[in-house]
Amino acid sequence: MEVNTCKIEVLIPERFIASLRNRLNEAGILTVGNYDNVISYSEVKGYWRPLEGANPYDGEVGKLSAGTECKMEFRCQFEQIDGVKTIIKAVHPYEEPIINVIPLL
């Protein structure tokens, strides 16, 4: 079975969603049929602890943090993944953004 499409999930602060959506849409990533700007997002809660050598966007090195961010989800073609990751890393404020790529059959 050939995988042509995947779902991308990215954890990101809510205030960066519109910028990321705009950049992805300008690159033609968020088009589904006769629609563009096709994304979903939901609020999620998480924990993290920056380790030595980290330069955290939020939190302090060595201290456990908790907070709210958003999980942004969208579909893309498998061959667009590298471009998607490049755009996410250019817009995303985190040193190590969480980007999940899930093949869709």
PDB file of N, CA and C in Angstrom:
ATOM      1  N   MET A   1       0.844  -1.176   0.000  1.00  0.00           N
ATOM      2  CA  MET A   1       0.000   0.000   0.000  1.00  0.00           C
ATOM      3  C   MET A   1       0.893   1.244   0.000  1.00  0.00           C
ATOM      4  N   GLU A   2       0.626   2.150  -0.902  1.00  0.00           N
ATOM      5  CA  GLU A   2       1.433   3.361  -1.039  1.00  0.00           C
ATOM      6  C   GLU A   2       0.884   4.484  -0.159  1.00  0.00           C
ATOM      7  N   VAL A   3       1.800   5.147   0.557  1.00  0.00           N
ATOM      8  CA  VAL A   3       1.416   6.270   1.417  1.00  0.00           C
ATOM      9  C   VAL A   3       1.711   7.567   0.670  1.00  0.00           C
ATOM     10  N   ASN A   4       0.676   8.338   0.363  1.00  0.00           N
ATOM     11  CA  ASN A   4       0.829   9.615  -0.340  1.00  0.00           C
ATOM     12  C   ASN A   4       0.558  10.807   0.552  1.00  0.00           C
ATOM     13  N   THR A   5      -0.248  10.592   1.584  1.00  0.00           N
ATOM     14  CA  THR A   5      -0.708  11.691   2.426  1.00  0.00           C
ATOM     15  C   THR A   5      -0.345  11.403   3.874  1.00  0.00           C
ATOM     16  N   CYS A   6      -0.089  12.457   4.615  1.00  0.00           N
ATOM     17  CA  CYS A   6       0.181  12.301   6.038  1.00  0.00           C
ATOM     18  C   CYS A   6      -0.531  13.406   6.814  1.00  0.00           C
ATOM     19  N   LYS A   7      -0.650  13.172   8.094  1.00  0.00           N
ATOM     20  CA  LYS A   7      -1.197  14.171   9.008  1.00  0.00           C
ATOM     21  C   LYS A   7      -0.024  14.715   9.803  1.00  0.00           C
ATOM     22  N   ILE A   8       0.040  16.025   9.914  1.00  0.00           N
ATOM     23  CA  ILE A   8       1.066  16.686  10.708  1.00  0.00           C
ATOM     24  C   ILE A   8       0.419  17.218  11.971  1.00  0.00           C
ATOM     25  N   GLU A   9       1.042  16.951  13.101  1.00  0.00           N
ATOM     26  CA  GLU A   9       0.646  17.543  14.385  1.00  0.00           C
ATOM     27  C   GLU A   9       1.840  18.339  14.888  1.00  0.00           C
ATOM     28  N   VAL A  10       1.592  19.553  15.317  1.00  0.00           N
ATOM     29  CA  VAL A  10       2.663  20.366  15.880  1.00  0.00           C
ATOM     30  C   VAL A  10       2.134  21.050  17.138  1.00  0.00           C
ATOM     31  N   LEU A  11       2.919  20.977  18.210  1.00  0.00           N
ATOM     32  CA  LEU A  11       2.559  21.655  19.455  1.00  0.00           C
ATOM     33  C   LEU A  11       3.167  23.045  19.414  1.00  0.00           C
ATOM     34  N   ILE A  12       2.327  24.076  19.663  1.00  0.00           N
ATOM     35  CA  ILE A  12       2.761  25.452  19.450  1.00  0.00           C
ATOM     36  C   ILE A  12       1.936  26.399  20.319  1.00  0.00           C
ATOM     37  N   PRO A  13       2.526  27.492  20.807  1.00  0.00           N
ATOM     38  CA  PRO A  13       1.725  28.478  21.534  1.00  0.00           C
ATOM     39  C   PRO A  13       0.658  29.078  20.604  1.00  0.00           C
ATOM     40  N   GLU A  14      -0.524  29.320  21.157  1.00  0.00           N
ATOM     41  CA  GLU A  14      -1.656  29.771  20.341  1.00  0.00           C
ATOM     42  C   GLU A  14      -1.345  31.028  19.535  1.00  0.00           C
ATOM     43  N   ARG A  15      -0.575  31.930  20.084  1.00  0.00           N
ATOM     44  CA  ARG A  15      -0.328  33.191  19.372  1.00  0.00           C
ATOM     45  C   ARG A  15       0.503  33.027  18.096  1.00  0.00           C
ATOM     46  N   PHE A  16       1.075  31.843  17.865  1.00  0.00           N
ATOM     47  CA  PHE A  16       1.854  31.590  16.657  1.00  0.00           C
ATOM     48  C   PHE A  16       1.070  30.822  15.590  1.00  0.00           C
ATOM     49  N   ILE A  17      -0.155  30.409  15.901  1.00  0.00           N
ATOM     50  CA  ILE A  17      -0.929  29.589  14.959  1.00  0.00           C
ATOM     51  C   ILE A  17      -1.235  30.342  13.668  1.00  0.00           C
ATOM     52  N   ALA A  18      -1.707  31.570  13.756  1.00  0.00           N
ATOM     53  CA  ALA A  18      -2.058  32.323  12.542  1.00  0.00           C
ATOM     54  C   ALA A  18      -0.833  32.526  11.645  1.00  0.00           C
ATOM     55  N   SER A  19       0.308  32.845  12.227  1.00  0.00           N
ATOM     56  CA  SER A  19       1.533  33.033  11.424  1.00  0.00           C
ATOM     57  C   SER A  19       1.924  31.742  10.725  1.00  0.00           C
ATOM     58  N   LEU A  20       1.882  30.638  11.469  1.00  0.00           N
ATOM     59  CA  LEU A  20       2.237  29.351  10.872  1.00  0.00           C
ATOM     60  C   LEU A  20       1.234  28.965   9.802  1.00  0.00           C
ATOM     61  N   ARG A  21      -0.050  29.143  10.093  1.00  0.00           N
ATOM     62  CA  ARG A  21      -1.085  28.831   9.094  1.00  0.00           C
ATOM     63  C   ARG A  21      -0.865  29.648   7.823  1.00  0.00           C
ATOM     64  N   ASN A  22      -0.594  30.934   7.964  1.00  0.00           N
ATOM     65  CA  ASN A  22      -0.387  31.794   6.796  1.00  0.00           C
ATOM     66  C   ASN A  22       0.794  31.330   5.951  1.00  0.00           C
ATOM     67  N   ARG A  23       1.904  31.022   6.601  1.00  0.00           N
ATOM     68  CA  ARG A  23       3.105  30.587   5.863  1.00  0.00           C
ATOM     69  C   ARG A  23       2.872  29.255   5.153  1.00  0.00           C
ATOM     70  N   LEU A  24       2.232  28.315   5.841  1.00  0.00           N
ATOM     71  CA  LEU A  24       1.939  27.024   5.215  1.00  0.00           C
ATOM     72  C   LEU A  24       0.966  27.188   4.056  1.00  0.00           C
ATOM     73  N   ASN A  25      -0.029  28.047   4.225  1.00  0.00           N
ATOM     74  CA  ASN A  25      -1.008  28.255   3.169  1.00  0.00           C
ATOM     75  C   ASN A  25      -0.370  28.919   1.952  1.00  0.00           C
ATOM     76  N   GLU A  26       0.519  29.901   2.187  1.00  0.00           N
ATOM     77  CA  GLU A  26       1.223  30.563   1.079  1.00  0.00           C
ATOM     78  C   GLU A  26       2.049  29.560   0.273  1.00  0.00           C
ATOM     79  N   ALA A  27       2.530  28.514   0.937  1.00  0.00           N
ATOM     80  CA  ALA A  27       3.315  27.474   0.262  1.00  0.00           C
ATOM     81  C   ALA A  27       2.427  26.424  -0.412  1.00  0.00           C
ATOM     82  N   GLY A  28       1.105  26.581  -0.317  1.00  0.00           N
ATOM     83  CA  GLY A  28       0.180  25.649  -0.960  1.00  0.00           C
ATOM     84  C   GLY A  28      -0.028  24.351  -0.201  1.00  0.00           C
ATOM     85  N   ILE A  29       0.377  24.319   1.058  1.00  0.00           N
ATOM     86  CA  ILE A  29       0.289  23.089   1.856  1.00  0.00           C
ATOM     87  C   ILE A  29      -1.129  22.826   2.347  1.00  0.00           C
ATOM     88  N   LEU A  30      -1.881  23.862   2.670  1.00  0.00           N
ATOM     89  CA  LEU A  30      -3.151  23.699   3.393  1.00  0.00           C
ATOM     90  C   LEU A  30      -4.383  23.681   2.484  1.00  0.00           C
ATOM     91  N   THR A  31      -4.210  23.229   1.254  1.00  0.00           N
ATOM     92  CA  THR A  31      -5.327  23.158   0.312  1.00  0.00           C
ATOM     93  C   THR A  31      -5.891  21.741   0.288  1.00  0.00           C
ATOM     94  N   VAL A  32      -7.206  21.660   0.454  1.00  0.00           N
ATOM     95  CA  VAL A  32      -7.925  20.395   0.358  1.00  0.00           C
ATOM     96  C   VAL A  32      -9.097  20.643  -0.579  1.00  0.00           C
ATOM     97  N   GLY A  33      -9.049  20.026  -1.774  1.00  0.00           N
ATOM     98  CA  GLY A  33     -10.097  20.268  -2.768  1.00  0.00           C
ATOM     99  C   GLY A  33     -10.175  21.743  -3.119  1.00  0.00           C
ATOM    100  N   ASN A  34     -11.351  22.340  -2.969  1.00  0.00           N
ATOM    101  CA  ASN A  34     -11.567  23.747  -3.293  1.00  0.00           C
ATOM    102  C   ASN A  34     -11.461  24.658  -2.079  1.00  0.00           C
ATOM    103  N   TYR A  35     -10.721  24.232  -1.062  1.00  0.00           N
ATOM    104  CA  TYR A  35     -10.559  25.012   0.175  1.00  0.00           C
ATOM    105  C   TYR A  35      -9.077  25.170   0.478  1.00  0.00           C
ATOM    106  N   ASP A  36      -8.745  26.296   1.092  1.00  0.00           N
ATOM    107  CA  ASP A  36      -7.392  26.444   1.604  1.00  0.00           C
ATOM    108  C   ASP A  36      -7.463  26.862   3.070  1.00  0.00           C
ATOM    109  N   ASN A  37      -6.311  27.053   3.703  1.00  0.00           N
ATOM    110  CA  ASN A  37      -6.241  27.370   5.135  1.00  0.00           C
ATOM    111  C   ASN A  37      -6.874  26.282   5.997  1.00  0.00           C
ATOM    112  N   VAL A  38      -6.838  25.032   5.553  1.00  0.00           N
ATOM    113  CA  VAL A  38      -7.518  23.937   6.246  1.00  0.00           C
ATOM    114  C   VAL A  38      -6.619  23.388   7.358  1.00  0.00           C
ATOM    115  N   ILE A  39      -6.938  23.777   8.597  1.00  0.00           N
ATOM    116  CA  ILE A  39      -6.249  23.270   9.786  1.00  0.00           C
ATOM    117  C   ILE A  39      -7.275  23.089  10.894  1.00  0.00           C
ATOM    118  N   SER A  40      -6.875  22.370  11.902  1.00  0.00           N
ATOM    119  CA  SER A  40      -7.625  22.296  13.160  1.00  0.00           C
ATOM    120  C   SER A  40      -6.621  22.506  14.271  1.00  0.00           C
ATOM    121  N   TYR A  41      -7.102  23.021  15.399  1.00  0.00           N
ATOM    122  CA  TYR A  41      -6.237  23.074  16.564  1.00  0.00           C
ATOM    123  C   TYR A  41      -7.069  22.955  17.818  1.00  0.00           C
ATOM    124  N   SER A  42      -6.417  22.438  18.851  1.00  0.00           N
ATOM    125  CA  SER A  42      -7.076  22.276  20.140  1.00  0.00           C
ATOM    126  C   SER A  42      -6.074  22.607  21.233  1.00  0.00           C
ATOM    127  N   GLU A  43      -6.603  23.005  22.368  1.00  0.00           N
ATOM    128  CA  GLU A  43      -5.770  23.339  23.510  1.00  0.00           C
ATOM    129  C   GLU A  43      -5.356  22.060  24.230  1.00  0.00           C
ATOM    130  N   VAL A  44      -4.088  21.970  24.577  1.00  0.00           N
ATOM    131  CA  VAL A  44      -3.576  20.820  25.317  1.00  0.00           C
ATOM    132  C   VAL A  44      -2.724  21.314  26.483  1.00  0.00           C
ATOM    133  N   LYS A  45      -2.557  20.458  27.482  1.00  0.00           N
ATOM    134  CA  LYS A  45      -1.721  20.780  28.626  1.00  0.00           C
ATOM    135  C   LYS A  45      -0.528  19.842  28.628  1.00  0.00           C
ATOM    136  N   GLY A  46       0.611  20.346  29.065  1.00  0.00           N
ATOM    137  CA  GLY A  46       1.803  19.519  29.044  1.00  0.00           C
ATOM    138  C   GLY A  46       2.798  19.910  30.122  1.00  0.00           C
ATOM    139  N   TYR A  47       3.817  19.085  30.241  1.00  0.00           N
ATOM    140  CA  TYR A  47       4.918  19.294  31.173  1.00  0.00           C
ATOM    141  C   TYR A  47       6.226  19.266  30.394  1.00  0.00           C
ATOM    142  N   TRP A  48       7.242  19.977  30.897  1.00  0.00           N
ATOM    143  CA  TRP A  48       8.578  19.940  30.336  1.00  0.00           C
ATOM    144  C   TRP A  48       9.579  20.454  31.369  1.00  0.00           C
ATOM    145  N   ARG A  49      10.805  19.977  31.253  1.00  0.00           N
ATOM    146  CA  ARG A  49      11.890  20.465  32.103  1.00  0.00           C
ATOM    147  C   ARG A  49      13.097  20.715  31.198  1.00  0.00           C
ATOM    148  N   PRO A  50      13.482  21.961  31.010  1.00  0.00           N
ATOM    149  CA  PRO A  50      14.684  22.253  30.231  1.00  0.00           C
ATOM    150  C   PRO A  50      15.924  21.705  30.952  1.00  0.00           C
ATOM    151  N   LEU A  51      16.765  21.009  30.217  1.00  0.00           N
ATOM    152  CA  LEU A  51      17.994  20.442  30.763  1.00  0.00           C
ATOM    153  C   LEU A  51      19.163  21.403  30.523  1.00  0.00           C
ATOM    154  N   GLU A  52      20.295  21.113  31.163  1.00  0.00           N
ATOM    155  CA  GLU A  52      21.492  21.945  30.986  1.00  0.00           C
ATOM    156  C   GLU A  52      21.783  22.113  29.496  1.00  0.00           C
ATOM    157  N   GLY A  53      22.112  23.323  29.101  1.00  0.00           N
ATOM    158  CA  GLY A  53      22.406  23.618  27.705  1.00  0.00           C
ATOM    159  C   GLY A  53      21.194  24.091  26.929  1.00  0.00           C
ATOM    160  N   ALA A  54      19.996  23.965  27.498  1.00  0.00           N
ATOM    161  CA  ALA A  54      18.778  24.410  26.821  1.00  0.00           C
ATOM    162  C   ALA A  54      18.648  25.929  26.910  1.00  0.00           C
ATOM    163  N   ASN A  55      17.964  26.493  25.941  1.00  0.00           N
ATOM    164  CA  ASN A  55      17.627  27.910  25.924  1.00  0.00           C
ATOM    165  C   ASN A  55      16.103  27.984  25.779  1.00  0.00           C
ATOM    166  N   PRO A  56      15.371  27.759  26.870  1.00  0.00           N
ATOM    167  CA  PRO A  56      13.915  27.592  26.768  1.00  0.00           C
ATOM    168  C   PRO A  56      13.157  28.875  26.408  1.00  0.00           C
ATOM    169  N   TYR A  57      12.142  28.696  25.582  1.00  0.00           N
ATOM    170  CA  TYR A  57      11.187  29.768  25.272  1.00  0.00           C
ATOM    171  C   TYR A  57      10.397  30.096  26.530  1.00  0.00           C
ATOM    172  N   ASP A  58      10.061  29.059  27.302  1.00  0.00           N
ATOM    173  CA  ASP A  58       9.267  29.194  28.523  1.00  0.00           C
ATOM    174  C   ASP A  58       9.845  28.223  29.551  1.00  0.00           C
ATOM    175  N   GLY A  59       9.932  28.646  30.779  1.00  0.00           N
ATOM    176  CA  GLY A  59      10.454  27.793  31.835  1.00  0.00           C
ATOM    177  C   GLY A  59      11.907  28.122  32.151  1.00  0.00           C
ATOM    178  N   GLU A  60      12.448  27.416  33.136  1.00  0.00           N
ATOM    179  CA  GLU A  60      13.820  27.621  33.574  1.00  0.00           C
ATOM    180  C   GLU A  60      14.567  26.293  33.567  1.00  0.00           C
ATOM    181  N   VAL A  61      15.838  26.368  33.220  1.00  0.00           N
ATOM    182  CA  VAL A  61      16.682  25.177  33.191  1.00  0.00           C
ATOM    183  C   VAL A  61      16.646  24.495  34.558  1.00  0.00           C
ATOM    184  N   GLY A  62      16.378  23.183  34.520  1.00  0.00           N
ATOM    185  CA  GLY A  62      16.369  22.373  35.730  1.00  0.00           C
ATOM    186  C   GLY A  62      15.067  22.370  36.497  1.00  0.00           C
ATOM    187  N   LYS A  63      14.095  23.190  36.097  1.00  0.00           N
ATOM    188  CA  LYS A  63      12.820  23.258  36.819  1.00  0.00           C
ATOM    189  C   LYS A  63      11.690  22.697  35.962  1.00  0.00           C
ATOM    190  N   LEU A  64      10.867  21.849  36.592  1.00  0.00           N
ATOM    191  CA  LEU A  64       9.709  21.282  35.907  1.00  0.00           C
ATOM    192  C   LEU A  64       8.668  22.372  35.698  1.00  0.00           C
ATOM    193  N   SER A  65       8.179  22.473  34.474  1.00  0.00           N
ATOM    194  CA  SER A  65       7.160  23.463  34.123  1.00  0.00           C
ATOM    195  C   SER A  65       5.911  22.752  33.637  1.00  0.00           C
ATOM    196  N   ALA A  66       4.790  23.426  33.750  1.00  0.00           N
ATOM    197  CA  ALA A  66       3.511  22.937  33.215  1.00  0.00           C
ATOM    198  C   ALA A  66       2.840  24.118  32.540  1.00  0.00           C
ATOM    199  N   GLY A  67       2.082  23.826  31.508  1.00  0.00           N
ATOM    200  CA  GLY A  67       1.396  24.915  30.831  1.00  0.00           C
ATOM    201  C   GLY A  67       0.452  24.424  29.763  1.00  0.00           C
ATOM    202  N   THR A  68      -0.125  25.397  29.084  1.00  0.00           N
ATOM    203  CA  THR A  68      -1.085  25.147  28.020  1.00  0.00           C
ATOM    204  C   THR A  68      -0.492  25.615  26.705  1.00  0.00           C
ATOM    205  N   GLU A  69      -0.668  24.812  25.684  1.00  0.00           N
ATOM    206  CA  GLU A  69      -0.285  25.160  24.325  1.00  0.00           C
ATOM    207  C   GLU A  69      -1.350  24.587  23.404  1.00  0.00           C
ATOM    208  N   CYS A  70      -1.137  24.655  22.122  1.00  0.00           N
ATOM    209  CA  CYS A  70      -2.117  24.124  21.179  1.00  0.00           C
ATOM    210  C   CYS A  70      -1.494  23.041  20.318  1.00  0.00           C
ATOM    211  N   LYS A  71      -2.325  22.076  19.941  1.00  0.00           N
ATOM    212  CA  LYS A  71      -1.927  21.071  18.958  1.00  0.00           C
ATOM    213  C   LYS A  71      -2.596  21.457  17.649  1.00  0.00           C
ATOM    214  N   MET A  72      -1.783  21.859  16.686  1.00  0.00           N
ATOM    215  CA  MET A  72      -2.271  22.225  15.357  1.00  0.00           C
ATOM    216  C   MET A  72      -2.135  21.001  14.462  1.00  0.00           C
ATOM    217  N   GLU A  73      -3.191  20.696  13.692  1.00  0.00           N
ATOM    218  CA  GLU A  73      -3.207  19.504  12.848  1.00  0.00           C
ATOM    219  C   GLU A  73      -3.623  19.870  11.431  1.00  0.00           C
ATOM    220  N   PHE A  74      -2.991  19.220  10.453  1.00  0.00           N
ATOM    221  CA  PHE A  74      -3.366  19.423   9.052  1.00  0.00           C
ATOM    222  C   PHE A  74      -2.831  18.262   8.223  1.00  0.00           C
ATOM    223  N   ARG A  75      -3.373  18.128   7.021  1.00  0.00           N
ATOM    224  CA  ARG A  75      -2.925  17.093   6.086  1.00  0.00           C
ATOM    225  C   ARG A  75      -1.952  17.693   5.091  1.00  0.00           C
ATOM    226  N   CYS A  76      -1.048  16.867   4.604  1.00  0.00           N
ATOM    227  CA  CYS A  76      -0.192  17.290   3.496  1.00  0.00           C
ATOM    228  C   CYS A  76       0.243  16.064   2.706  1.00  0.00           C
ATOM    229  N   GLN A  77       0.785  16.313   1.547  1.00  0.00           N
ATOM    230  CA  GLN A  77       1.330  15.239   0.727  1.00  0.00           C
ATOM    231  C   GLN A  77       2.676  14.818   1.303  1.00  0.00           C
ATOM    232  N   PHE A  78       2.986  13.547   1.203  1.00  0.00           N
ATOM    233  CA  PHE A  78       4.215  13.009   1.771  1.00  0.00           C
ATOM    234  C   PHE A  78       5.444  13.766   1.264  1.00  0.00           C
ATOM    235  N   GLU A  79       5.452  14.124  -0.023  1.00  0.00           N
ATOM    236  CA  GLU A  79       6.622  14.805  -0.585  1.00  0.00           C
ATOM    237  C   GLU A  79       6.771  16.248  -0.094  1.00  0.00           C
ATOM    238  N   GLN A  80       5.782  16.774   0.621  1.00  0.00           N
ATOM    239  CA  GLN A  80       5.847  18.136   1.152  1.00  0.00           C
ATOM    240  C   GLN A  80       6.426  18.200   2.577  1.00  0.00           C
ATOM    241  N   ILE A  81       6.717  17.061   3.174  1.00  0.00           N
ATOM    242  CA  ILE A  81       7.117  17.021   4.584  1.00  0.00           C
ATOM    243  C   ILE A  81       8.355  17.877   4.861  1.00  0.00           C
ATOM    244  N   ASP A  82       9.380  17.784   4.039  1.00  0.00           N
ATOM    245  CA  ASP A  82      10.594  18.566   4.295  1.00  0.00           C
ATOM    246  C   ASP A  82      10.305  20.064   4.284  1.00  0.00           C
ATOM    247  N   GLY A  83       9.506  20.519   3.311  1.00  0.00           N
ATOM    248  CA  GLY A  83       9.134  21.931   3.256  1.00  0.00           C
ATOM    249  C   GLY A  83       8.303  22.353   4.450  1.00  0.00           C
ATOM    250  N   VAL A  84       7.394  21.476   4.878  1.00  0.00           N
ATOM    251  CA  VAL A  84       6.565  21.747   6.056  1.00  0.00           C
ATOM    252  C   VAL A  84       7.444  21.911   7.295  1.00  0.00           C
ATOM    253  N   LYS A  85       8.386  21.009   7.495  1.00  0.00           N
ATOM    254  CA  LYS A  85       9.271  21.095   8.658  1.00  0.00           C
ATOM    255  C   LYS A  85      10.098  22.382   8.629  1.00  0.00           C
ATOM    256  N   THR A  86      10.566  22.773   7.464  1.00  0.00           N
ATOM    257  CA  THR A  86      11.347  24.008   7.332  1.00  0.00           C
ATOM    258  C   THR A  86      10.508  25.221   7.726  1.00  0.00           C
ATOM    259  N   ILE A  87       9.261  25.269   7.262  1.00  0.00           N
ATOM    260  CA  ILE A  87       8.373  26.384   7.600  1.00  0.00           C
ATOM    261  C   ILE A  87       8.074  26.392   9.095  1.00  0.00           C
ATOM    262  N   ILE A  88       7.752  25.236   9.660  1.00  0.00           N
ATOM    263  CA  ILE A  88       7.455  25.164  11.095  1.00  0.00           C
ATOM    264  C   ILE A  88       8.631  25.678  11.910  1.00  0.00           C
ATOM    265  N   LYS A  89       9.841  25.220  11.593  1.00  0.00           N
ATOM    266  CA  LYS A  89      11.020  25.632  12.358  1.00  0.00           C
ATOM    267  C   LYS A  89      11.319  27.119  12.202  1.00  0.00           C
ATOM    268  N   ALA A  90      10.937  27.714  11.066  1.00  0.00           N
ATOM    269  CA  ALA A  90      11.156  29.152  10.854  1.00  0.00           C
ATOM    270  C   ALA A  90      10.198  30.011  11.683  1.00  0.00           C
ATOM    271  N   VAL A  91       8.988  29.513  11.930  1.00  0.00           N
ATOM    272  CA  VAL A  91       7.952  30.282  12.639  1.00  0.00           C
ATOM    273  C   VAL A  91       7.918  29.947  14.124  1.00  0.00           C
ATOM    274  N   HIS A  92       8.198  28.721  14.465  1.00  0.00           N
ATOM    275  CA  HIS A  92       8.008  28.194  15.821  1.00  0.00           C
ATOM    276  C   HIS A  92       8.987  28.816  16.820  1.00  0.00           C
ATOM    277  N   PRO A  93       8.519  29.203  18.014  1.00  0.00           N
ATOM    278  CA  PRO A  93       9.423  29.825  18.988  1.00  0.00           C
ATOM    279  C   PRO A  93      10.248  28.833  19.808  1.00  0.00           C
ATOM    280  N   TYR A  94       9.875  27.550  19.805  1.00  0.00           N
ATOM    281  CA  TYR A  94      10.575  26.579  20.640  1.00  0.00           C
ATOM    282  C   TYR A  94      11.905  26.182  20.013  1.00  0.00           C
ATOM    283  N   GLU A  95      12.853  25.930  20.874  1.00  0.00           N
ATOM    284  CA  GLU A  95      14.161  25.445  20.464  1.00  0.00           C
ATOM    285  C   GLU A  95      14.038  24.061  19.803  1.00  0.00           C
ATOM    286  N   GLU A  96      13.156  23.217  20.341  1.00  0.00           N
ATOM    287  CA  GLU A  96      12.927  21.859  19.836  1.00  0.00           C
ATOM    288  C   GLU A  96      11.428  21.642  19.631  1.00  0.00           C
ATOM    289  N   PRO A  97      10.863  22.123  18.496  1.00  0.00           N
ATOM    290  CA  PRO A  97       9.422  21.933  18.299  1.00  0.00           C
ATOM    291  C   PRO A  97       9.062  20.456  18.149  1.00  0.00           C
ATOM    292  N   ILE A  98       7.913  20.093  18.711  1.00  0.00           N
ATOM    293  CA  ILE A  98       7.384  18.734  18.545  1.00  0.00           C
ATOM    294  C   ILE A  98       6.595  18.699  17.233  1.00  0.00           C
ATOM    295  N   ILE A  99       7.064  17.880  16.299  1.00  0.00           N
ATOM    296  CA  ILE A  99       6.403  17.730  15.001  1.00  0.00           C
ATOM    297  C   ILE A  99       6.157  16.237  14.803  1.00  0.00           C
ATOM    298  N   ASN A 100       4.905  15.840  14.798  1.00  0.00           N
ATOM    299  CA  ASN A 100       4.537  14.440  14.566  1.00  0.00           C
ATOM    300  C   ASN A 100       4.059  14.293  13.130  1.00  0.00           C
ATOM    301  N   VAL A 101       4.607  13.312  12.420  1.00  0.00           N
ATOM    302  CA  VAL A 101       4.214  13.013  11.051  1.00  0.00           C
ATOM    303  C   VAL A 101       3.579  11.630  11.058  1.00  0.00           C
ATOM    304  N   ILE A 102       2.293  11.565  10.698  1.00  0.00           N
ATOM    305  CA  ILE A 102       1.538  10.320  10.787  1.00  0.00           C
ATOM    306  C   ILE A 102       1.066   9.937   9.384  1.00  0.00           C
ATOM    307  N   PRO A 103       1.583   8.837   8.822  1.00  0.00           N
ATOM    308  CA  PRO A 103       1.144   8.412   7.491  1.00  0.00           C
ATOM    309  C   PRO A 103      -0.348   8.081   7.484  1.00  0.00           C
ATOM    310  N   LEU A 104      -1.034   8.486   6.425  1.00  0.00           N
ATOM    311  CA  LEU A 104      -2.454   8.168   6.259  1.00  0.00           C
ATOM    312  C   LEU A 104      -2.612   7.217   5.077  1.00  0.00           C
ATOM    313  N   LEU A 105      -3.336   6.139   5.304  1.00  0.00           N
ATOM    314  CA  LEU A 105      -3.550   5.148   4.247  1.00  0.00           C
ATOM    315  C   LEU A 105      -4.769   5.481   3.441  1.00  0.00           C
TER     316      LEU A 105
END
